[in-house]
Amino acid sequence: MAVYQVQACKLDEMLECSICCDSFKNPVALPCLHVFCNEPCLQDWIKKGHRTCPNCRAAFTPGSEKPFHFLKNFIDGVKPTTGLPCDDCKILSTLQDCVHCSKKICPTCSDNHLKLLKEEVSRLCDVMNTETGPILETLGEKIASLMSKLSTTKQELSKKLQDAHDLLVSQIHDLRERSIQILDKVEQNSLSDIDAQITEIDTLLARIDSICEKSENIEKEQDIGELVKLDTEMTKLQKDIESVQLKVANSKLDNLALNSDKITLENLKINQAYKNIVAQIEETEMLRTVTSR
């Protein structure tokens, strides 16, 4: 027994009355062979005085219409079809979601749909290899170059940080030794304000020890931000030392020849090192940003 498949939309059009635009109810055929619902469509048409076919305007006489038994039996025998129209063949069926796209496909169309998708993927891969392959290769070379430069910059930065730390530790040590020498000279003189001066110098020594300890921690952690803060503390310490020296000079200690032992940080080159390190950091951050893209 042959099985025929008809698209749902076409079947609906074939079984639709052109007067009520709904499925035929007790269909009858006019002599011109156009079919309409007998009740109420055609009978209402006749009651309104019309004697021509609603479709072709062919004349007919009331009572000439004949019941269309075959069509009525066909409509009665058609069972409502469950399911939804397939996105490919449009036939009502139980559909399944395609895992590769948004379409809903019936089992009949599944294999052909997958074949078409594979062909499209293959075409896109060919386009990518032909057009974007050289671009990706060039970008890969640029990224490799940037990574190499980043590695070199990191090594240079670590060395400059180590050199800056070593210079800072050396000058802090020299500063501490000179402060101790001043303290020894002050202790040899019986000045009325010697206790206050010793207290100030002890405070300076404590601050110097603190800076030395912070410098060691910065060396371990390689914290550029803390190194910059330490430079600010060194500047403040220099001003306080000069203030103490001025007080000592005004307290009749000229005979101690303190000017020859003046503590100064003028030759400290750490500030320029900071600038170089900060510049290297900015360049490293720029390379990291470009690489991450």
C-alpha atoms as a PDB file:
ATOM      1  CA  MET A   1       0.000   0.000   0.000  1.00  0.00           C
ATOM      2  CA  ALA A   2       1.477   3.304  -1.068  1.00  0.00           C
ATOM      3  CA  VAL A   3       2.014   5.970   1.568  1.00  0.00           C
ATOM      4  CA  TYR A   4       1.964   9.625   0.534  1.00  0.00           C
ATOM      5  CA  GLN A   5       3.217  12.609   2.448  1.00  0.00           C
ATOM      6  CA  VAL A   6       1.587  16.002   1.935  1.00  0.00           C
ATOM      7  CA  GLN A   7       2.803  19.230   3.480  1.00  0.00           C
ATOM      8  CA  ALA A   8       0.425  20.362   6.210  1.00  0.00           C
ATOM      9  CA  CYS A   9       0.020  23.854   4.789  1.00  0.00           C
ATOM     10  CA  LYS A  10      -0.937  22.496   1.323  1.00  0.00           C
ATOM     11  CA  LEU A  11      -3.457  20.070   2.781  1.00  0.00           C
ATOM     12  CA  ASP A  12      -5.117  22.862   4.754  1.00  0.00           C
ATOM     13  CA  GLU A  13      -5.500  24.922   1.571  1.00  0.00           C
ATOM     14  CA  MET A  14      -7.054  21.984  -0.314  1.00  0.00           C
ATOM     15  CA  LEU A  15      -9.658  21.350   2.396  1.00  0.00           C
ATOM     16  CA  GLU A  16     -10.625  24.993   2.953  1.00  0.00           C
ATOM     17  CA  CYS A  17     -13.933  26.548   1.875  1.00  0.00           C
ATOM     18  CA  SER A  18     -13.349  29.815   0.008  1.00  0.00           C
ATOM     19  CA  ILE A  19     -16.445  31.410   1.594  1.00  0.00           C
ATOM     20  CA  CYS A  20     -15.835  30.781   5.325  1.00  0.00           C
ATOM     21  CA  CYS A  21     -12.079  30.121   4.977  1.00  0.00           C
ATOM     22  CA  ASP A  22     -12.446  27.099   7.229  1.00  0.00           C
ATOM     23  CA  SER A  23     -12.470  23.322   6.702  1.00  0.00           C
ATOM     24  CA  PHE A  24     -15.348  21.984   4.613  1.00  0.00           C
ATOM     25  CA  LYS A  25     -18.545  21.058   6.469  1.00  0.00           C
ATOM     26  CA  ASN A  26     -20.953  18.860   4.402  1.00  0.00           C
ATOM     27  CA  PRO A  27     -19.226  19.843   1.147  1.00  0.00           C
ATOM     28  CA  VAL A  28     -21.285  20.213  -2.054  1.00  0.00           C
ATOM     29  CA  ALA A  29     -20.116  20.766  -5.624  1.00  0.00           C
ATOM     30  CA  LEU A  30     -21.658  23.200  -8.090  1.00  0.00           C
ATOM     31  CA  PRO A  31     -21.957  22.357 -11.817  1.00  0.00           C
ATOM     32  CA  CYS A  32     -18.739  24.303 -12.339  1.00  0.00           C
ATOM     33  CA  LEU A  33     -17.138  21.777  -9.910  1.00  0.00           C
ATOM     34  CA  HIS A  34     -16.195  24.352  -7.282  1.00  0.00           C
ATOM     35  CA  VAL A  35     -16.830  23.037  -3.773  1.00  0.00           C
ATOM     36  CA  PHE A  36     -18.273  24.884  -0.768  1.00  0.00           C
ATOM     37  CA  CYS A  37     -19.817  24.138   2.611  1.00  0.00           C
ATOM     38  CA  ASN A  38     -23.519  23.465   2.095  1.00  0.00           C
ATOM     39  CA  GLU A  39     -24.497  24.825   5.502  1.00  0.00           C
ATOM     40  CA  PRO A  40     -24.207  27.630   6.173  1.00  0.00           C
ATOM     41  CA  CYS A  41     -21.978  28.991   3.415  1.00  0.00           C
ATOM     42  CA  LEU A  42     -23.689  28.101   0.095  1.00  0.00           C
ATOM     43  CA  GLN A  43     -27.257  28.249   1.461  1.00  0.00           C
ATOM     44  CA  ASP A  44     -26.643  31.733   2.878  1.00  0.00           C
ATOM     45  CA  TRP A  45     -25.196  32.713  -0.491  1.00  0.00           C
ATOM     46  CA  ILE A  46     -28.371  31.529  -2.241  1.00  0.00           C
ATOM     47  CA  LYS A  47     -30.652  33.216   0.320  1.00  0.00           C
ATOM     48  CA  LYS A  48     -28.967  36.506  -0.470  1.00  0.00           C
ATOM     49  CA  GLY A  49     -30.138  36.148  -4.043  1.00  0.00           C
ATOM     50  CA  HIS A  50     -26.874  35.070  -5.633  1.00  0.00           C
ATOM     51  CA  ARG A  51     -27.090  32.605  -8.524  1.00  0.00           C
ATOM     52  CA  THR A  52     -23.461  32.554  -9.610  1.00  0.00           C
ATOM     53  CA  CYS A  53     -20.457  30.620  -8.280  1.00  0.00           C
ATOM     54  CA  PRO A  54     -18.564  32.650  -5.627  1.00  0.00           C
ATOM     55  CA  ASN A  55     -15.303  31.668  -7.305  1.00  0.00           C
ATOM     56  CA  CYS A  56     -15.783  31.725 -11.102  1.00  0.00           C
ATOM     57  CA  ARG A  57     -19.159  33.492 -11.346  1.00  0.00           C
ATOM     58  CA  ALA A  58     -20.623  30.666 -13.432  1.00  0.00           C
ATOM     59  CA  ALA A  59     -24.448  30.606 -13.280  1.00  0.00           C
ATOM     60  CA  PHE A  60     -26.268  27.807 -11.427  1.00  0.00           C
ATOM     61  CA  THR A  61     -29.814  27.141 -10.215  1.00  0.00           C
ATOM     62  CA  PRO A  62     -30.626  26.357  -6.597  1.00  0.00           C
ATOM     63  CA  GLY A  63     -30.823  22.604  -6.129  1.00  0.00           C
ATOM     64  CA  SER A  64     -28.222  21.887  -8.796  1.00  0.00           C
ATOM     65  CA  GLU A  65     -25.507  21.500  -6.164  1.00  0.00           C
ATOM     66  CA  LYS A  66     -24.540  17.891  -5.441  1.00  0.00           C
ATOM     67  CA  PRO A  67     -23.160  16.420  -2.202  1.00  0.00           C
ATOM     68  CA  PHE A  68     -19.431  15.679  -2.485  1.00  0.00           C
ATOM     69  CA  HIS A  69     -19.418  12.360  -0.596  1.00  0.00           C
ATOM     70  CA  PHE A  70     -15.844  11.455  -1.438  1.00  0.00           C
ATOM     71  CA  LEU A  71     -14.496  14.710  -0.023  1.00  0.00           C
ATOM     72  CA  LYS A  72     -16.701  14.411   3.072  1.00  0.00           C
ATOM     73  CA  ASN A  73     -15.462  10.863   3.694  1.00  0.00           C
ATOM     74  CA  PHE A  74     -11.886  12.011   3.128  1.00  0.00           C
ATOM     75  CA  ILE A  75     -12.226  14.842   5.653  1.00  0.00           C
ATOM     76  CA  ASP A  76     -13.854  12.528   8.183  1.00  0.00           C
ATOM     77  CA  GLY A  77     -11.041  10.025   7.721  1.00  0.00           C
ATOM     78  CA  VAL A  78      -8.192  12.496   8.119  1.00  0.00           C
ATOM     79  CA  LYS A  79      -6.839  12.469  11.668  1.00  0.00           C
ATOM     80  CA  PRO A  80      -5.192  15.570  13.122  1.00  0.00           C
ATOM     81  CA  THR A  81      -1.461  15.280  12.820  1.00  0.00           C
ATOM     82  CA  THR A  82       0.565  15.846  15.967  1.00  0.00           C
ATOM     83  CA  GLY A  83       3.952  17.527  15.997  1.00  0.00           C
ATOM     84  CA  LEU A  84       5.546  20.608  14.448  1.00  0.00           C
ATOM     85  CA  PRO A  85       6.735  21.378  10.915  1.00  0.00           C
ATOM     86  CA  CYS A  86      10.343  20.407  10.231  1.00  0.00           C
ATOM     87  CA  ASP A  87      12.584  23.414   9.492  1.00  0.00           C
ATOM     88  CA  ASP A  88      13.860  21.646   6.351  1.00  0.00           C
ATOM     89  CA  CYS A  89      10.961  19.719   4.779  1.00  0.00           C
ATOM     90  CA  LYS A  90       8.096  21.558   6.574  1.00  0.00           C
ATOM     91  CA  ILE A  91       6.256  18.254   7.223  1.00  0.00           C
ATOM     92  CA  LEU A  92       4.645  17.827  10.647  1.00  0.00           C
ATOM     93  CA  SER A  93       6.637  15.370  12.676  1.00  0.00           C
ATOM     94  CA  THR A  94       8.280  14.710  16.005  1.00  0.00           C
ATOM     95  CA  LEU A  95      11.308  16.987  15.879  1.00  0.00           C
ATOM     96  CA  GLN A  96      14.682  16.991  17.544  1.00  0.00           C
ATOM     97  CA  ASP A  97      17.007  19.927  18.177  1.00  0.00           C
ATOM     98  CA  CYS A  98      20.108  20.037  16.034  1.00  0.00           C
ATOM     99  CA  VAL A  99      23.139  20.086  18.346  1.00  0.00           C
ATOM    100  CA  HIS A 100      25.073  22.218  15.838  1.00  0.00           C
ATOM    101  CA  CYS A 101      22.534  24.941  15.025  1.00  0.00           C
ATOM    102  CA  SER A 102      19.163  26.283  16.152  1.00  0.00           C
ATOM    103  CA  LYS A 103      17.019  24.307  13.709  1.00  0.00           C
ATOM    104  CA  LYS A 104      14.466  21.653  14.648  1.00  0.00           C
ATOM    105  CA  ILE A 105      14.801  18.673  12.313  1.00  0.00           C
ATOM    106  CA  CYS A 106      12.677  15.570  11.720  1.00  0.00           C
ATOM    107  CA  PRO A 107      14.358  12.120  11.675  1.00  0.00           C
ATOM    108  CA  THR A 108      13.984  11.902   7.877  1.00  0.00           C
ATOM    109  CA  CYS A 109      15.986  15.092   7.277  1.00  0.00           C
ATOM    110  CA  SER A 110      18.528  14.522  10.051  1.00  0.00           C
ATOM    111  CA  ASP A 111      21.246  12.779   7.987  1.00  0.00           C
ATOM    112  CA  ASN A 112      21.078  15.205   5.069  1.00  0.00           C
ATOM    113  CA  HIS A 113      21.049  18.204   7.434  1.00  0.00           C
ATOM    114  CA  LEU A 114      24.186  16.918   9.178  1.00  0.00           C
ATOM    115  CA  LYS A 115      25.868  16.345   5.799  1.00  0.00           C
ATOM    116  CA  LEU A 116      25.171  19.943   4.752  1.00  0.00           C
ATOM    117  CA  LEU A 117      26.542  21.248   8.056  1.00  0.00           C
ATOM    118  CA  LYS A 118      29.756  19.260   7.610  1.00  0.00           C
ATOM    119  CA  GLU A 119      30.209  20.688   4.118  1.00  0.00           C
ATOM    120  CA  GLU A 120      29.722  24.228   5.446  1.00  0.00           C
ATOM    121  CA  VAL A 121      32.205  23.660   8.285  1.00  0.00           C
ATOM    122  CA  SER A 122      34.737  22.281   5.808  1.00  0.00           C
ATOM    123  CA  ARG A 123      34.272  25.343   3.587  1.00  0.00           C
ATOM    124  CA  LEU A 124      34.772  27.718   6.526  1.00  0.00           C
ATOM    125  CA  CYS A 125      37.926  25.851   7.576  1.00  0.00           C
ATOM    126  CA  ASP A 126      39.350  26.239   4.079  1.00  0.00           C
ATOM    127  CA  VAL A 127      38.602  29.956   4.164  1.00  0.00           C
ATOM    128  CA  MET A 128      40.240  30.286   7.583  1.00  0.00           C
ATOM    129  CA  ASN A 129      43.378  28.421   6.514  1.00  0.00           C
ATOM    130  CA  THR A 130      43.673  30.456   3.325  1.00  0.00           C
ATOM    131  CA  GLU A 131      42.851  33.954   4.593  1.00  0.00           C
ATOM    132  CA  THR A 132      43.577  34.007   8.320  1.00  0.00           C
ATOM    133  CA  GLY A 133      46.409  31.474   8.485  1.00  0.00           C
ATOM    134  CA  PRO A 134      49.187  33.912   7.465  1.00  0.00           C
ATOM    135  CA  ILE A 135      47.787  36.595   9.773  1.00  0.00           C
ATOM    136  CA  LEU A 136      47.804  34.212  12.751  1.00  0.00           C
ATOM    137  CA  GLU A 137      51.352  33.137  11.932  1.00  0.00           C
ATOM    138  CA  THR A 138      52.530  36.764  11.851  1.00  0.00           C
ATOM    139  CA  LEU A 139      50.815  37.492  15.152  1.00  0.00           C
ATOM    140  CA  GLY A 140      52.441  34.418  16.679  1.00  0.00           C
ATOM    141  CA  GLU A 141      55.891  35.685  15.675  1.00  0.00           C
ATOM    142  CA  LYS A 142      55.151  39.124  17.148  1.00  0.00           C
ATOM    143  CA  ILE A 143      53.948  37.598  20.411  1.00  0.00           C
ATOM    144  CA  ALA A 144      57.080  35.439  20.637  1.00  0.00           C
ATOM    145  CA  SER A 145      59.227  38.544  20.089  1.00  0.00           C
ATOM    146  CA  LEU A 146      57.335  40.468  22.769  1.00  0.00           C
ATOM    147  CA  MET A 147      57.662  37.585  25.232  1.00  0.00           C
ATOM    148  CA  SER A 148      61.410  37.459  24.619  1.00  0.00           C
ATOM    149  CA  LYS A 149      61.692  41.201  25.200  1.00  0.00           C
ATOM    150  CA  LEU A 150      59.565  40.880  28.328  1.00  0.00           C
ATOM    151  CA  SER A 151      61.903  38.216  29.724  1.00  0.00           C
ATOM    152  CA  THR A 152      64.966  40.365  28.994  1.00  0.00           C
ATOM    153  CA  THR A 153      63.353  43.431  30.560  1.00  0.00           C
ATOM    154  CA  LYS A 154      62.495  41.442  33.685  1.00  0.00           C
ATOM    155  CA  GLN A 155      66.123  40.364  34.088  1.00  0.00           C
ATOM    156  CA  GLU A 156      67.376  43.933  33.621  1.00  0.00           C
ATOM    157  CA  LEU A 157      64.823  45.202  36.102  1.00  0.00           C
ATOM    158  CA  SER A 158      65.869  42.655  38.739  1.00  0.00           C
ATOM    159  CA  LYS A 159      69.532  43.621  38.314  1.00  0.00           C
ATOM    160  CA  LYS A 160      68.820  47.348  38.610  1.00  0.00           C
ATOM    161  CA  LEU A 161      66.753  46.713  41.714  1.00  0.00           C
ATOM    162  CA  GLN A 162      69.588  44.700  43.251  1.00  0.00           C
ATOM    163  CA  ASP A 163      72.140  47.416  42.412  1.00  0.00           C
ATOM    164  CA  ALA A 164      69.868  50.113  43.861  1.00  0.00           C
ATOM    165  CA  HIS A 165      69.438  48.130  47.057  1.00  0.00           C
ATOM    166  CA  ASP A 166      73.168  47.485  47.431  1.00  0.00           C
ATOM    167  CA  LEU A 167      73.921  51.204  46.996  1.00  0.00           C
ATOM    168  CA  LEU A 168      71.233  52.136  49.512  1.00  0.00           C
ATOM    169  CA  VAL A 169      72.530  49.663  52.125  1.00  0.00           C
ATOM    170  CA  SER A 170      76.123  50.902  51.642  1.00  0.00           C
ATOM    171  CA  GLN A 171      75.219  54.555  52.101  1.00  0.00           C
ATOM    172  CA  ILE A 172      72.927  53.848  55.046  1.00  0.00           C
ATOM    173  CA  HIS A 173      75.794  51.986  56.716  1.00  0.00           C
ATOM    174  CA  ASP A 174      78.130  54.926  56.078  1.00  0.00           C
ATOM    175  CA  LEU A 175      75.500  57.312  57.440  1.00  0.00           C
ATOM    176  CA  ARG A 176      75.170  55.270  60.612  1.00  0.00           C
ATOM    177  CA  GLU A 177      78.932  55.166  61.159  1.00  0.00           C
ATOM    178  CA  ARG A 178      79.219  58.940  60.782  1.00  0.00           C
ATOM    179  CA  SER A 179      76.345  59.465  63.202  1.00  0.00           C
ATOM    180  CA  ILE A 180      78.096  57.294  65.761  1.00  0.00           C
ATOM    181  CA  GLN A 181      81.272  59.349  65.311  1.00  0.00           C
ATOM    182  CA  ILE A 182      79.348  62.545  65.997  1.00  0.00           C
ATOM    183  CA  LEU A 183      77.828  60.960  69.106  1.00  0.00           C
ATOM    184  CA  ASP A 184      81.287  59.974  70.362  1.00  0.00           C
ATOM    185  CA  LYS A 185      82.551  63.550  69.879  1.00  0.00           C
ATOM    186  CA  VAL A 186      79.512  65.048  71.591  1.00  0.00           C
ATOM    187  CA  GLU A 187      79.934  62.730  74.585  1.00  0.00           C
ATOM    188  CA  GLN A 188      83.471  64.033  75.092  1.00  0.00           C
ATOM    189  CA  ASN A 189      82.197  67.549  75.741  1.00  0.00           C
ATOM    190  CA  SER A 190      80.341  68.724  78.860  1.00  0.00           C
ATOM    191  CA  LEU A 191      77.749  70.951  77.250  1.00  0.00           C
ATOM    192  CA  SER A 192      74.581  71.979  79.059  1.00  0.00           C
ATOM    193  CA  ASP A 193      72.356  70.715  76.284  1.00  0.00           C
ATOM    194  CA  ILE A 194      74.289  67.512  75.590  1.00  0.00           C
ATOM    195  CA  ASP A 195      71.473  65.247  76.826  1.00  0.00           C
ATOM    196  CA  ALA A 196      68.968  66.744  74.417  1.00  0.00           C
ATOM    197  CA  GLN A 197      71.429  66.473  71.563  1.00  0.00           C
ATOM    198  CA  ILE A 198      72.197  62.856  72.444  1.00  0.00           C
ATOM    199  CA  THR A 199      68.467  62.084  72.488  1.00  0.00           C
ATOM    200  CA  GLU A 200      68.037  63.620  69.050  1.00  0.00           C
ATOM    201  CA  ILE A 201      71.013  61.705  67.703  1.00  0.00           C
ATOM    202  CA  ASP A 202      69.714  58.456  69.278  1.00  0.00           C
ATOM    203  CA  THR A 203      66.408  59.083  67.502  1.00  0.00           C
ATOM    204  CA  LEU A 204      68.223  59.592  64.228  1.00  0.00           C
ATOM    205  CA  LEU A 205      70.151  56.352  64.771  1.00  0.00           C
ATOM    206  CA  ALA A 206      66.912  54.506  65.451  1.00  0.00           C
ATOM    207  CA  ARG A 207      65.423  55.888  62.249  1.00  0.00           C
ATOM    208  CA  ILE A 208      68.548  54.873  60.320  1.00  0.00           C
ATOM    209  CA  ASP A 209      68.289  51.319  61.721  1.00  0.00           C
ATOM    210  CA  SER A 210      64.616  51.247  60.745  1.00  0.00           C
ATOM    211  CA  ILE A 211      65.432  52.344  57.190  1.00  0.00           C
ATOM    212  CA  CYS A 212      68.120  49.679  56.977  1.00  0.00           C
ATOM    213  CA  GLU A 213      65.637  46.995  58.104  1.00  0.00           C
ATOM    214  CA  LYS A 214      63.013  48.193  55.613  1.00  0.00           C
ATOM    215  CA  SER A 215      65.626  48.089  52.869  1.00  0.00           C
ATOM    216  CA  GLU A 216      66.346  44.427  53.617  1.00  0.00           C
ATOM    217  CA  ASN A 217      62.641  43.594  53.467  1.00  0.00           C
ATOM    218  CA  ILE A 218      62.290  45.468  50.171  1.00  0.00           C
ATOM    219  CA  GLU A 219      65.194  43.467  48.745  1.00  0.00           C
ATOM    220  CA  LYS A 220      63.455  40.203  49.685  1.00  0.00           C
ATOM    221  CA  GLU A 221      60.028  41.219  48.364  1.00  0.00           C
ATOM    222  CA  GLN A 222      61.297  43.378  45.440  1.00  0.00           C
ATOM    223  CA  ASP A 223      58.538  45.891  46.131  1.00  0.00           C
ATOM    224  CA  ILE A 224      59.128  48.987  43.967  1.00  0.00           C
ATOM    225  CA  GLY A 225      56.381  50.965  45.680  1.00  0.00           C
ATOM    226  CA  GLU A 226      57.940  50.508  49.112  1.00  0.00           C
ATOM    227  CA  LEU A 227      61.360  51.443  47.674  1.00  0.00           C
ATOM    228  CA  VAL A 228      59.944  54.768  46.489  1.00  0.00           C
ATOM    229  CA  LYS A 229      58.427  55.387  49.949  1.00  0.00           C
ATOM    230  CA  LEU A 230      61.825  54.619  51.483  1.00  0.00           C
ATOM    231  CA  ASP A 231      63.395  57.303  49.301  1.00  0.00           C
ATOM    232  CA  THR A 232      60.929  59.835  50.767  1.00  0.00           C
ATOM    233  CA  GLU A 233      61.909  58.808  54.298  1.00  0.00           C
ATOM    234  CA  MET A 234      65.604  59.209  53.369  1.00  0.00           C
ATOM    235  CA  THR A 235      64.938  62.775  52.197  1.00  0.00           C
ATOM    236  CA  LYS A 236      63.175  63.623  55.457  1.00  0.00           C
ATOM    237  CA  LEU A 237      65.992  62.020  57.464  1.00  0.00           C
ATOM    238  CA  GLN A 238      68.551  64.146  55.588  1.00  0.00           C
ATOM    239  CA  LYS A 239      66.730  67.330  56.585  1.00  0.00           C
ATOM    240  CA  ASP A 240      66.548  66.231  60.252  1.00  0.00           C
ATOM    241  CA  ILE A 241      70.268  65.409  60.281  1.00  0.00           C
ATOM    242  CA  GLU A 242      71.106  68.827  58.870  1.00  0.00           C
ATOM    243  CA  SER A 243      68.921  70.401  61.565  1.00  0.00           C
ATOM    244  CA  VAL A 244      70.835  68.567  64.303  1.00  0.00           C
ATOM    245  CA  GLN A 245      74.160  69.555  62.766  1.00  0.00           C
ATOM    246  CA  LEU A 246      73.069  73.195  62.768  1.00  0.00           C
ATOM    247  CA  LYS A 247      72.175  72.973  66.462  1.00  0.00           C
ATOM    248  CA  VAL A 248      75.532  71.390  67.257  1.00  0.00           C
ATOM    249  CA  ALA A 249      77.360  74.098  65.274  1.00  0.00           C
ATOM    250  CA  ASN A 250      75.544  76.807  67.223  1.00  0.00           C
ATOM    251  CA  SER A 251      76.326  75.209  70.593  1.00  0.00           C
ATOM    252  CA  LYS A 252      80.014  76.106  70.602  1.00  0.00           C
ATOM    253  CA  LEU A 253      81.209  72.784  69.195  1.00  0.00           C
ATOM    254  CA  ASP A 254      83.328  74.426  66.520  1.00  0.00           C
ATOM    255  CA  ASN A 255      86.381  72.799  68.006  1.00  0.00           C
ATOM    256  CA  LEU A 256      84.940  69.372  67.132  1.00  0.00           C
ATOM    257  CA  ALA A 257      85.432  70.104  63.403  1.00  0.00           C
ATOM    258  CA  LEU A 258      82.067  68.562  62.616  1.00  0.00           C
ATOM    259  CA  ASN A 259      82.029  70.140  59.206  1.00  0.00           C
ATOM    260  CA  SER A 260      84.652  67.674  58.072  1.00  0.00           C
ATOM    261  CA  ASP A 261      82.363  64.838  59.149  1.00  0.00           C
ATOM    262  CA  LYS A 262      79.161  66.286  57.752  1.00  0.00           C
ATOM    263  CA  ILE A 263      76.685  63.551  56.867  1.00  0.00           C
ATOM    264  CA  THR A 264      75.175  64.034  53.433  1.00  0.00           C
ATOM    265  CA  LEU A 265      73.090  62.107  50.982  1.00  0.00           C
ATOM    266  CA  GLU A 266      73.883  64.385  48.057  1.00  0.00           C
ATOM    267  CA  ASN A 267      75.918  61.681  46.317  1.00  0.00           C
ATOM    268  CA  LEU A 268      73.147  59.101  46.677  1.00  0.00           C
ATOM    269  CA  LYS A 269      72.198  57.948  43.174  1.00  0.00           C
ATOM    270  CA  ILE A 270      69.247  55.843  44.200  1.00  0.00           C
ATOM    271  CA  ASN A 271      66.744  58.435  42.936  1.00  0.00           C
ATOM    272  CA  GLN A 272      67.869  57.991  39.325  1.00  0.00           C
ATOM    273  CA  ALA A 273      67.728  54.254  39.812  1.00  0.00           C
ATOM    274  CA  TYR A 274      64.132  54.611  40.931  1.00  0.00           C
ATOM    275  CA  LYS A 275      63.316  56.488  37.720  1.00  0.00           C
ATOM    276  CA  ASN A 276      64.965  53.821  35.567  1.00  0.00           C
ATOM    277  CA  ILE A 277      63.142  51.040  37.417  1.00  0.00           C
ATOM    278  CA  VAL A 278      59.768  52.786  37.115  1.00  0.00           C
ATOM    279  CA  ALA A 279      60.377  53.257  33.374  1.00  0.00           C
ATOM    280  CA  GLN A 280      61.149  49.556  33.018  1.00  0.00           C
ATOM    281  CA  ILE A 281      57.976  48.684  34.958  1.00  0.00           C
ATOM    282  CA  GLU A 282      55.845  50.802  32.617  1.00  0.00           C
ATOM    283  CA  GLU A 283      57.392  49.137  29.570  1.00  0.00           C
ATOM    284  CA  THR A 284      56.833  45.674  31.112  1.00  0.00           C
ATOM    285  CA  GLU A 285      53.165  46.469  31.808  1.00  0.00           C
ATOM    286  CA  MET A 286      52.734  47.617  28.209  1.00  0.00           C
ATOM    287  CA  LEU A 287      54.244  44.348  26.914  1.00  0.00           C
ATOM    288  CA  ARG A 288      52.004  42.315  29.236  1.00  0.00           C
ATOM    289  CA  THR A 289      48.923  44.172  27.964  1.00  0.00           C
ATOM    290  CA  VAL A 290      49.842  43.602  24.312  1.00  0.00           C
ATOM    291  CA  THR A 291      50.604  39.918  24.970  1.00  0.00           C
ATOM    292  CA  SER A 292      47.297  39.316  26.766  1.00  0.00           C
ATOM    293  CA  ARG A 293      45.417  40.518  23.664  1.00  0.00           C
END
